[in-house]
Amino acid sequence: MPTYEYVCKDCGHHLSVEQRMSDPRLTDCPHCGKPGLERQLSAGGFALKGSGWYQTDFKGGGNKAGESKPEAAAVPTCPAGGCACH
């Protein structure tokens, strides 16, 4: 269920509410009681839980147990030595 952020334009109170997408927007502020709540644009988040692709394929850099990490390759310098491409 998505979490929506609200702020009251009358008193400045902030709150987060879990609502279904089909639920109507809240209008009355629980702090001051006035109908001044506005829904804010906020970044969504998610959590990966359980066993899944991220645990076996990407978590921990992709190295399996017992394998050694390859050494980082040296970055070649430019012949002129003054560029910022590396």
PDB file of N, CA and C in Angstrom:
ATOM      1  N   MET A   1       0.845  -1.157   0.000  1.00  0.00           N
ATOM      2  CA  MET A   1       0.000   0.000   0.000  1.00  0.00           C
ATOM      3  C   MET A   1       0.904   1.239   0.000  1.00  0.00           C
ATOM      4  N   PRO A   2       0.637   2.217  -0.862  1.00  0.00           N
ATOM      5  CA  PRO A   2       1.488   3.407  -0.940  1.00  0.00           C
ATOM      6  C   PRO A   2       1.383   4.284   0.299  1.00  0.00           C
ATOM      7  N   THR A   3       2.464   4.975   0.593  1.00  0.00           N
ATOM      8  CA  THR A   3       2.491   5.942   1.676  1.00  0.00           C
ATOM      9  C   THR A   3       2.482   7.329   1.065  1.00  0.00           C
ATOM     10  N   TYR A   4       1.544   8.165   1.471  1.00  0.00           N
ATOM     11  CA  TYR A   4       1.423   9.522   0.958  1.00  0.00           C
ATOM     12  C   TYR A   4       1.837  10.521   2.021  1.00  0.00           C
ATOM     13  N   GLU A   5       2.509  11.576   1.591  1.00  0.00           N
ATOM     14  CA  GLU A   5       2.937  12.655   2.470  1.00  0.00           C
ATOM     15  C   GLU A   5       1.943  13.805   2.322  1.00  0.00           C
ATOM     16  N   TYR A   6       1.526  14.350   3.453  1.00  0.00           N
ATOM     17  CA  TYR A   6       0.616  15.493   3.464  1.00  0.00           C
ATOM     18  C   TYR A   6       1.233  16.608   4.296  1.00  0.00           C
ATOM     19  N   VAL A   7       0.885  17.853   3.965  1.00  0.00           N
ATOM     20  CA  VAL A   7       1.274  19.010   4.775  1.00  0.00           C
ATOM     21  C   VAL A   7       0.056  19.944   4.846  1.00  0.00           C
ATOM     22  N   CYS A   8      -0.154  20.518   6.012  1.00  0.00           N
ATOM     23  CA  CYS A   8      -1.272  21.434   6.214  1.00  0.00           C
ATOM     24  C   CYS A   8      -0.820  22.843   5.835  1.00  0.00           C
ATOM     25  N   LYS A   9      -1.546  23.484   4.929  1.00  0.00           N
ATOM     26  CA  LYS A   9      -1.176  24.838   4.514  1.00  0.00           C
ATOM     27  C   LYS A   9      -1.538  25.875   5.570  1.00  0.00           C
ATOM     28  N   ASP A  10      -2.362  25.490   6.549  1.00  0.00           N
ATOM     29  CA  ASP A  10      -2.750  26.423   7.604  1.00  0.00           C
ATOM     30  C   ASP A  10      -1.766  26.425   8.776  1.00  0.00           C
ATOM     31  N   CYS A  11      -1.386  25.232   9.269  1.00  0.00           N
ATOM     32  CA  CYS A  11      -0.523  25.177  10.455  1.00  0.00           C
ATOM     33  C   CYS A  11       0.863  24.593  10.175  1.00  0.00           C
ATOM     34  N   GLY A  12       1.090  24.025   8.963  1.00  0.00           N
ATOM     35  CA  GLY A  12       2.401  23.487   8.611  1.00  0.00           C
ATOM     36  C   GLY A  12       2.668  22.073   9.097  1.00  0.00           C
ATOM     37  N   HIS A  13       1.672  21.405   9.680  1.00  0.00           N
ATOM     38  CA  HIS A  13       1.831  20.042  10.194  1.00  0.00           C
ATOM     39  C   HIS A  13       2.098  19.084   9.036  1.00  0.00           C
ATOM     40  N   HIS A  14       3.087  18.177   9.213  1.00  0.00           N
ATOM     41  CA  HIS A  14       3.428  17.152   8.219  1.00  0.00           C
ATOM     42  C   HIS A  14       2.978  15.798   8.741  1.00  0.00           C
ATOM     43  N   LEU A  15       2.476  14.947   7.840  1.00  0.00           N
ATOM     44  CA  LEU A  15       2.141  13.577   8.220  1.00  0.00           C
ATOM     45  C   LEU A  15       2.277  12.646   7.039  1.00  0.00           C
ATOM     46  N   SER A  16       2.514  11.376   7.334  1.00  0.00           N
ATOM     47  CA  SER A  16       2.598  10.307   6.342  1.00  0.00           C
ATOM     48  C   SER A  16       1.466   9.334   6.617  1.00  0.00           C
ATOM     49  N   VAL A  17       0.763   8.935   5.556  1.00  0.00           N
ATOM     50  CA  VAL A  17      -0.398   8.061   5.701  1.00  0.00           C
ATOM     51  C   VAL A  17      -0.343   6.957   4.655  1.00  0.00           C
ATOM     52  N   GLU A  18      -0.549   5.710   5.090  1.00  0.00           N
ATOM     53  CA  GLU A  18      -0.687   4.604   4.146  1.00  0.00           C
ATOM     54  C   GLU A  18      -2.125   4.577   3.668  1.00  0.00           C
ATOM     55  N   GLN A  19      -2.313   4.688   2.359  1.00  0.00           N
ATOM     56  CA  GLN A  19      -3.648   4.677   1.760  1.00  0.00           C
ATOM     57  C   GLN A  19      -3.633   3.867   0.481  1.00  0.00           C
ATOM     58  N   ARG A  20      -4.791   3.325   0.152  1.00  0.00           N
ATOM     59  CA  ARG A  20      -4.946   2.693  -1.154  1.00  0.00           C
ATOM     60  C   ARG A  20      -4.981   3.811  -2.196  1.00  0.00           C
ATOM     61  N   MET A  21      -4.609   3.464  -3.414  1.00  0.00           N
ATOM     62  CA  MET A  21      -4.632   4.465  -4.482  1.00  0.00           C
ATOM     63  C   MET A  21      -6.053   4.927  -4.771  1.00  0.00           C
ATOM     64  N   SER A  22      -7.040   4.082  -4.482  1.00  0.00           N
ATOM     65  CA  SER A  22      -8.437   4.425  -4.741  1.00  0.00           C
ATOM     66  C   SER A  22      -9.076   5.220  -3.601  1.00  0.00           C
ATOM     67  N   ASP A  23      -8.384   5.326  -2.443  1.00  0.00           N
ATOM     68  CA  ASP A  23      -8.936   6.099  -1.321  1.00  0.00           C
ATOM     69  C   ASP A  23      -8.935   7.593  -1.651  1.00  0.00           C
ATOM     70  N   PRO A  24      -9.937   8.321  -1.156  1.00  0.00           N
ATOM     71  CA  PRO A  24      -9.947   9.774  -1.395  1.00  0.00           C
ATOM     72  C   PRO A  24      -8.819  10.458  -0.629  1.00  0.00           C
ATOM     73  N   ARG A  25      -8.372  11.602  -1.148  1.00  0.00           N
ATOM     74  CA  ARG A  25      -7.330  12.374  -0.471  1.00  0.00           C
ATOM     75  C   ARG A  25      -7.859  12.916   0.848  1.00  0.00           C
ATOM     76  N   LEU A  26      -6.960  13.024   1.826  1.00  0.00           N
ATOM     77  CA  LEU A  26      -7.335  13.615   3.105  1.00  0.00           C
ATOM     78  C   LEU A  26      -7.418  15.126   2.940  1.00  0.00           C
ATOM     79  N   THR A  27      -8.345  15.760   3.655  1.00  0.00           N
ATOM     80  CA  THR A  27      -8.484  17.214   3.566  1.00  0.00           C
ATOM     81  C   THR A  27      -8.359  17.887   4.925  1.00  0.00           C
ATOM     82  N   ASP A  28      -8.831  17.232   5.990  1.00  0.00           N
ATOM     83  CA  ASP A  28      -8.829  17.852   7.321  1.00  0.00           C
ATOM     84  C   ASP A  28      -7.547  17.498   8.076  1.00  0.00           C
ATOM     85  N   CYS A  29      -6.874  18.521   8.600  1.00  0.00           N
ATOM     86  CA  CYS A  29      -5.648  18.343   9.352  1.00  0.00           C
ATOM     87  C   CYS A  29      -5.954  17.753  10.726  1.00  0.00           C
ATOM     88  N   PRO A  30      -5.261  16.681  11.130  1.00  0.00           N
ATOM     89  CA  PRO A  30      -5.508  16.101  12.451  1.00  0.00           C
ATOM     90  C   PRO A  30      -4.938  16.977  13.579  1.00  0.00           C
ATOM     91  N   HIS A  31      -4.063  17.916  13.252  1.00  0.00           N
ATOM     92  CA  HIS A  31      -3.429  18.767  14.258  1.00  0.00           C
ATOM     93  C   HIS A  31      -4.280  19.995  14.570  1.00  0.00           C
ATOM     94  N   CYS A  32      -4.739  20.719  13.538  1.00  0.00           N
ATOM     95  CA  CYS A  32      -5.508  21.951  13.770  1.00  0.00           C
ATOM     96  C   CYS A  32      -6.988  21.820  13.439  1.00  0.00           C
ATOM     97  N   GLY A  33      -7.367  20.761  12.710  1.00  0.00           N
ATOM     98  CA  GLY A  33      -8.765  20.527  12.385  1.00  0.00           C
ATOM     99  C   GLY A  33      -9.269  21.284  11.171  1.00  0.00           C
ATOM    100  N   LYS A  34      -8.448  22.127  10.560  1.00  0.00           N
ATOM    101  CA  LYS A  34      -8.876  22.903   9.392  1.00  0.00           C
ATOM    102  C   LYS A  34      -8.727  22.072   8.116  1.00  0.00           C
ATOM    103  N   PRO A  35      -9.516  22.393   7.089  1.00  0.00           N
ATOM    104  CA  PRO A  35      -9.446  21.634   5.825  1.00  0.00           C
ATOM    105  C   PRO A  35      -8.314  22.140   4.933  1.00  0.00           C
ATOM    106  N   GLY A  36      -7.078  22.090   5.429  1.00  0.00           N
ATOM    107  CA  GLY A  36      -5.954  22.644   4.686  1.00  0.00           C
ATOM    108  C   GLY A  36      -4.896  21.650   4.265  1.00  0.00           C
ATOM    109  N   LEU A  37      -5.186  20.342   4.304  1.00  0.00           N
ATOM    110  CA  LEU A  37      -4.174  19.348   3.929  1.00  0.00           C
ATOM    111  C   LEU A  37      -3.984  19.312   2.415  1.00  0.00           C
ATOM    112  N   GLU A  38      -2.720  19.259   2.015  1.00  0.00           N
ATOM    113  CA  GLU A  38      -2.364  19.092   0.605  1.00  0.00           C
ATOM    114  C   GLU A  38      -1.392  17.930   0.496  1.00  0.00           C
ATOM    115  N   ARG A  39      -1.625  17.081  -0.494  1.00  0.00           N
ATOM    116  CA  ARG A  39      -0.737  15.941  -0.707  1.00  0.00           C
ATOM    117  C   ARG A  39       0.525  16.434  -1.409  1.00  0.00           C
ATOM    118  N   GLN A  40       1.678  15.978  -0.922  1.00  0.00           N
ATOM    119  CA  GLN A  40       2.962  16.397  -1.445  1.00  0.00           C
ATOM    120  C   GLN A  40       3.506  15.372  -2.430  1.00  0.00           C
ATOM    121  N   LEU A  41       4.317  15.835  -3.358  1.00  0.00           N
ATOM    122  CA  LEU A  41       5.026  14.955  -4.264  1.00  0.00           C
ATOM    123  C   LEU A  41       6.246  14.441  -3.517  1.00  0.00           C
ATOM    124  N   SER A  42       6.378  13.133  -3.405  1.00  0.00           N
ATOM    125  CA  SER A  42       7.504  12.567  -2.669  1.00  0.00           C
ATOM    126  C   SER A  42       8.046  11.365  -3.419  1.00  0.00           C
ATOM    127  N   ALA A  43       9.281  11.029  -3.102  1.00  0.00           N
ATOM    128  CA  ALA A  43       9.928   9.885  -3.738  1.00  0.00           C
ATOM    129  C   ALA A  43       9.376   8.593  -3.153  1.00  0.00           C
ATOM    130  N   GLY A  44       9.088   7.677  -4.002  1.00  0.00           N
ATOM    131  CA  GLY A  44       8.608   6.374  -3.547  1.00  0.00           C
ATOM    132  C   GLY A  44       9.770   5.504  -3.129  1.00  0.00           C
ATOM    133  N   GLY A  45       9.506   4.558  -2.294  1.00  0.00           N
ATOM    134  CA  GLY A  45      10.539   3.642  -1.848  1.00  0.00           C
ATOM    135  C   GLY A  45      10.016   2.227  -1.840  1.00  0.00           C
ATOM    136  N   PHE A  46      10.939   1.284  -1.851  1.00  0.00           N
ATOM    137  CA  PHE A  46      10.532  -0.106  -1.760  1.00  0.00           C
ATOM    138  C   PHE A  46      11.624  -0.877  -1.050  1.00  0.00           C
ATOM    139  N   ALA A  47      11.266  -2.005  -0.523  1.00  0.00           N
ATOM    140  CA  ALA A  47      12.223  -2.849   0.186  1.00  0.00           C
ATOM    141  C   ALA A  47      12.192  -4.240  -0.433  1.00  0.00           C
ATOM    142  N   LEU A  48      13.377  -4.780  -0.677  1.00  0.00           N
ATOM    143  CA  LEU A  48      13.473  -6.137  -1.196  1.00  0.00           C
ATOM    144  C   LEU A  48      13.522  -7.079  -0.009  1.00  0.00           C
ATOM    145  N   LYS A  49      12.562  -7.996   0.061  1.00  0.00           N
ATOM    146  CA  LYS A  49      12.490  -8.925   1.184  1.00  0.00           C
ATOM    147  C   LYS A  49      12.481 -10.355   0.666  1.00  0.00           C
ATOM    148  N   GLY A  50      12.954 -11.249   1.500  1.00  0.00           N
ATOM    149  CA  GLY A  50      12.921 -12.657   1.137  1.00  0.00           C
ATOM    150  C   GLY A  50      14.078 -13.046   0.241  1.00  0.00           C
ATOM    151  N   SER A  51      14.010 -14.245  -0.291  1.00  0.00           N
ATOM    152  CA  SER A  51      15.072 -14.699  -1.190  1.00  0.00           C
ATOM    153  C   SER A  51      14.651 -14.355  -2.603  1.00  0.00           C
ATOM    154  N   GLY A  52      15.555 -13.796  -3.346  1.00  0.00           N
ATOM    155  CA  GLY A  52      15.199 -13.394  -4.693  1.00  0.00           C
ATOM    156  C   GLY A  52      16.441 -13.174  -5.532  1.00  0.00           C
ATOM    157  N   TRP A  53      16.253 -12.646  -6.701  1.00  0.00           N
ATOM    158  CA  TRP A  53      17.345 -12.469  -7.645  1.00  0.00           C
ATOM    159  C   TRP A  53      18.469 -11.608  -7.088  1.00  0.00           C
ATOM    160  N   TYR A  54      18.125 -10.600  -6.287  1.00  0.00           N
ATOM    161  CA  TYR A  54      19.154  -9.687  -5.803  1.00  0.00           C
ATOM    162  C   TYR A  54      20.124 -10.363  -4.841  1.00  0.00           C
ATOM    163  N   GLN A  55      19.682 -11.398  -4.135  1.00  0.00           N
ATOM    164  CA  GLN A  55      20.576 -12.082  -3.197  1.00  0.00           C
ATOM    165  C   GLN A  55      21.566 -12.968  -3.938  1.00  0.00           C
ATOM    166  N   THR A  56      21.133 -13.562  -5.015  1.00  0.00           N
ATOM    167  CA  THR A  56      22.008 -14.506  -5.700  1.00  0.00           C
ATOM    168  C   THR A  56      22.794 -13.860  -6.832  1.00  0.00           C
ATOM    169  N   ASP A  57      22.279 -12.799  -7.427  1.00  0.00           N
ATOM    170  CA  ASP A  57      22.930 -12.244  -8.609  1.00  0.00           C
ATOM    171  C   ASP A  57      23.722 -10.968  -8.367  1.00  0.00           C
ATOM    172  N   PHE A  58      23.234 -10.067  -7.533  1.00  0.00           N
ATOM    173  CA  PHE A  58      23.881  -8.781  -7.427  1.00  0.00           C
ATOM    174  C   PHE A  58      24.333  -8.399  -6.028  1.00  0.00           C
ATOM    175  N   LYS A  59      23.752  -8.948  -5.015  1.00  0.00           N
ATOM    176  CA  LYS A  59      24.107  -8.571  -3.653  1.00  0.00           C
ATOM    177  C   LYS A  59      25.546  -8.962  -3.363  1.00  0.00           C
ATOM    178  N   GLY A  60      26.327  -8.057  -2.824  1.00  0.00           N
ATOM    179  CA  GLY A  60      27.705  -8.358  -2.462  1.00  0.00           C
ATOM    180  C   GLY A  60      28.675  -8.335  -3.632  1.00  0.00           C
ATOM    181  N   GLY A  61      28.309  -7.716  -4.730  1.00  0.00           N
ATOM    182  CA  GLY A  61      29.245  -7.565  -5.842  1.00  0.00           C
ATOM    183  C   GLY A  61      29.284  -8.739  -6.801  1.00  0.00           C
ATOM    184  N   GLY A  62      28.490  -9.756  -6.614  1.00  0.00           N
ATOM    185  CA  GLY A  62      28.417 -10.851  -7.565  1.00  0.00           C
ATOM    186  C   GLY A  62      29.466 -11.933  -7.388  1.00  0.00           C
ATOM    187  N   ASN A  63      30.369 -11.819  -6.407  1.00  0.00           N
ATOM    188  CA  ASN A  63      31.361 -12.869  -6.180  1.00  0.00           C
ATOM    189  C   ASN A  63      30.752 -13.985  -5.358  1.00  0.00           C
ATOM    190  N   LYS A  64      31.021 -15.209  -5.780  1.00  0.00           N
ATOM    191  CA  LYS A  64      30.537 -16.353  -5.024  1.00  0.00           C
ATOM    192  C   LYS A  64      31.537 -16.669  -3.927  1.00  0.00           C
ATOM    193  N   ALA A  65      31.113 -17.431  -2.950  1.00  0.00           N
ATOM    194  CA  ALA A  65      31.987 -17.788  -1.833  1.00  0.00           C
ATOM    195  C   ALA A  65      33.213 -18.526  -2.343  1.00  0.00           C
ATOM    196  N   GLY A  66      34.387 -18.131  -1.836  1.00  0.00           N
ATOM    197  CA  GLY A  66      35.614 -18.805  -2.214  1.00  0.00           C
ATOM    198  C   GLY A  66      36.324 -18.196  -3.401  1.00  0.00           C
ATOM    199  N   GLU A  67      35.686 -17.315  -4.149  1.00  0.00           N
ATOM    200  CA  GLU A  67      36.341 -16.686  -5.285  1.00  0.00           C
ATOM    201  C   GLU A  67      37.074 -15.436  -4.811  1.00  0.00           C
ATOM    202  N   SER A  68      38.200 -15.170  -5.417  1.00  0.00           N
ATOM    203  CA  SER A  68      38.931 -13.958  -5.064  1.00  0.00           C
ATOM    204  C   SER A  68      38.515 -12.829  -5.996  1.00  0.00           C
ATOM    205  N   LYS A  69      38.628 -11.606  -5.484  1.00  0.00           N
ATOM    206  CA  LYS A  69      38.288 -10.446  -6.292  1.00  0.00           C
ATOM    207  C   LYS A  69      39.428 -10.160  -7.260  1.00  0.00           C
ATOM    208  N   PRO A  70      39.090  -9.817  -8.508  1.00  0.00           N
ATOM    209  CA  PRO A  70      40.163  -9.440  -9.433  1.00  0.00           C
ATOM    210  C   PRO A  70      40.718  -8.073  -9.033  1.00  0.00           C
ATOM    211  N   GLU A  71      42.014  -7.882  -9.273  1.00  0.00           N
ATOM    212  CA  GLU A  71      42.651  -6.609  -8.962  1.00  0.00           C
ATOM    213  C   GLU A  71      42.166  -5.555  -9.946  1.00  0.00           C
ATOM    214  N   ALA A  72      42.048  -4.327  -9.475  1.00  0.00           N
ATOM    215  CA  ALA A  72      41.621  -3.224 -10.328  1.00  0.00           C
ATOM    216  C   ALA A  72      42.702  -2.924 -11.351  1.00  0.00           C
ATOM    217  N   ALA A  73      42.284  -2.705 -12.593  1.00  0.00           N
ATOM    218  CA  ALA A  73      43.231  -2.395 -13.655  1.00  0.00           C
ATOM    219  C   ALA A  73      43.679  -0.949 -13.524  1.00  0.00           C
ATOM    220  N   ALA A  74      44.931  -0.694 -13.856  1.00  0.00           N
ATOM    221  CA  ALA A  74      45.459   0.666 -13.798  1.00  0.00           C
ATOM    222  C   ALA A  74      44.867   1.473 -14.939  1.00  0.00           C
ATOM    223  N   VAL A  75      44.496   2.697 -14.654  1.00  0.00           N
ATOM    224  CA  VAL A  75      43.931   3.575 -15.668  1.00  0.00           C
ATOM    225  C   VAL A  75      45.077   4.238 -16.421  1.00  0.00           C
ATOM    226  N   PRO A  76      45.123   4.082 -17.747  1.00  0.00           N
ATOM    227  CA  PRO A  76      46.209   4.699 -18.493  1.00  0.00           C
ATOM    228  C   PRO A  76      46.066   6.225 -18.497  1.00  0.00           C
ATOM    229  N   THR A  77      47.188   6.894 -18.487  1.00  0.00           N
ATOM    230  CA  THR A  77      47.158   8.353 -18.535  1.00  0.00           C
ATOM    231  C   THR A  77      47.197   8.806 -19.979  1.00  0.00           C
ATOM    232  N   CYS A  78      46.734  10.007 -20.230  1.00  0.00           N
ATOM    233  CA  CYS A  78      46.746  10.556 -21.582  1.00  0.00           C
ATOM    234  C   CYS A  78      48.170  10.995 -21.933  1.00  0.00           C
ATOM    235  N   PRO A  79      48.519  10.897 -23.199  1.00  0.00           N
ATOM    236  CA  PRO A  79      49.861  11.322 -23.605  1.00  0.00           C
ATOM    237  C   PRO A  79      50.140  12.788 -23.242  1.00  0.00           C
ATOM    238  N   ALA A  80      49.127  13.631 -23.385  1.00  0.00           N
ATOM    239  CA  ALA A  80      49.325  15.049 -23.055  1.00  0.00           C
ATOM    240  C   ALA A  80      49.335  15.259 -21.558  1.00  0.00           C
ATOM    241  N   GLY A  81      48.634  14.402 -20.826  1.00  0.00           N
ATOM    242  CA  GLY A  81      48.615  14.471 -19.372  1.00  0.00           C
ATOM    243  C   GLY A  81      47.724  15.548 -18.785  1.00  0.00           C
ATOM    244  N   GLY A  82      47.060  16.321 -19.610  1.00  0.00           N
ATOM    245  CA  GLY A  82      46.271  17.424 -19.083  1.00  0.00           C
ATOM    246  C   GLY A  82      44.763  17.271 -19.276  1.00  0.00           C
ATOM    247  N   CYS A  83      44.307  16.162 -19.836  1.00  0.00           N
ATOM    248  CA  CYS A  83      42.870  16.051 -20.070  1.00  0.00           C
ATOM    249  C   CYS A  83      42.150  15.493 -18.836  1.00  0.00           C
ATOM    250  N   ALA A  84      40.845  15.643 -18.834  1.00  0.00           N
ATOM    251  CA  ALA A  84      40.047  15.168 -17.708  1.00  0.00           C
ATOM    252  C   ALA A  84      39.169  13.998 -18.102  1.00  0.00           C
ATOM    253  N   CYS A  85      39.586  13.232 -19.105  1.00  0.00           N
ATOM    254  CA  CYS A  85      38.746  12.137 -19.581  1.00  0.00           C
ATOM    255  C   CYS A  85      38.866  10.886 -18.723  1.00  0.00           C
ATOM    256  N   HIS A  86      39.814  10.817 -17.797  1.00  0.00           N
ATOM    257  CA  HIS A  86      39.963   9.615 -16.960  1.00  0.00           C
ATOM    258  C   HIS A  86      39.747   9.969 -15.532  1.00  0.00           C
TER     259      HIS A  86
END
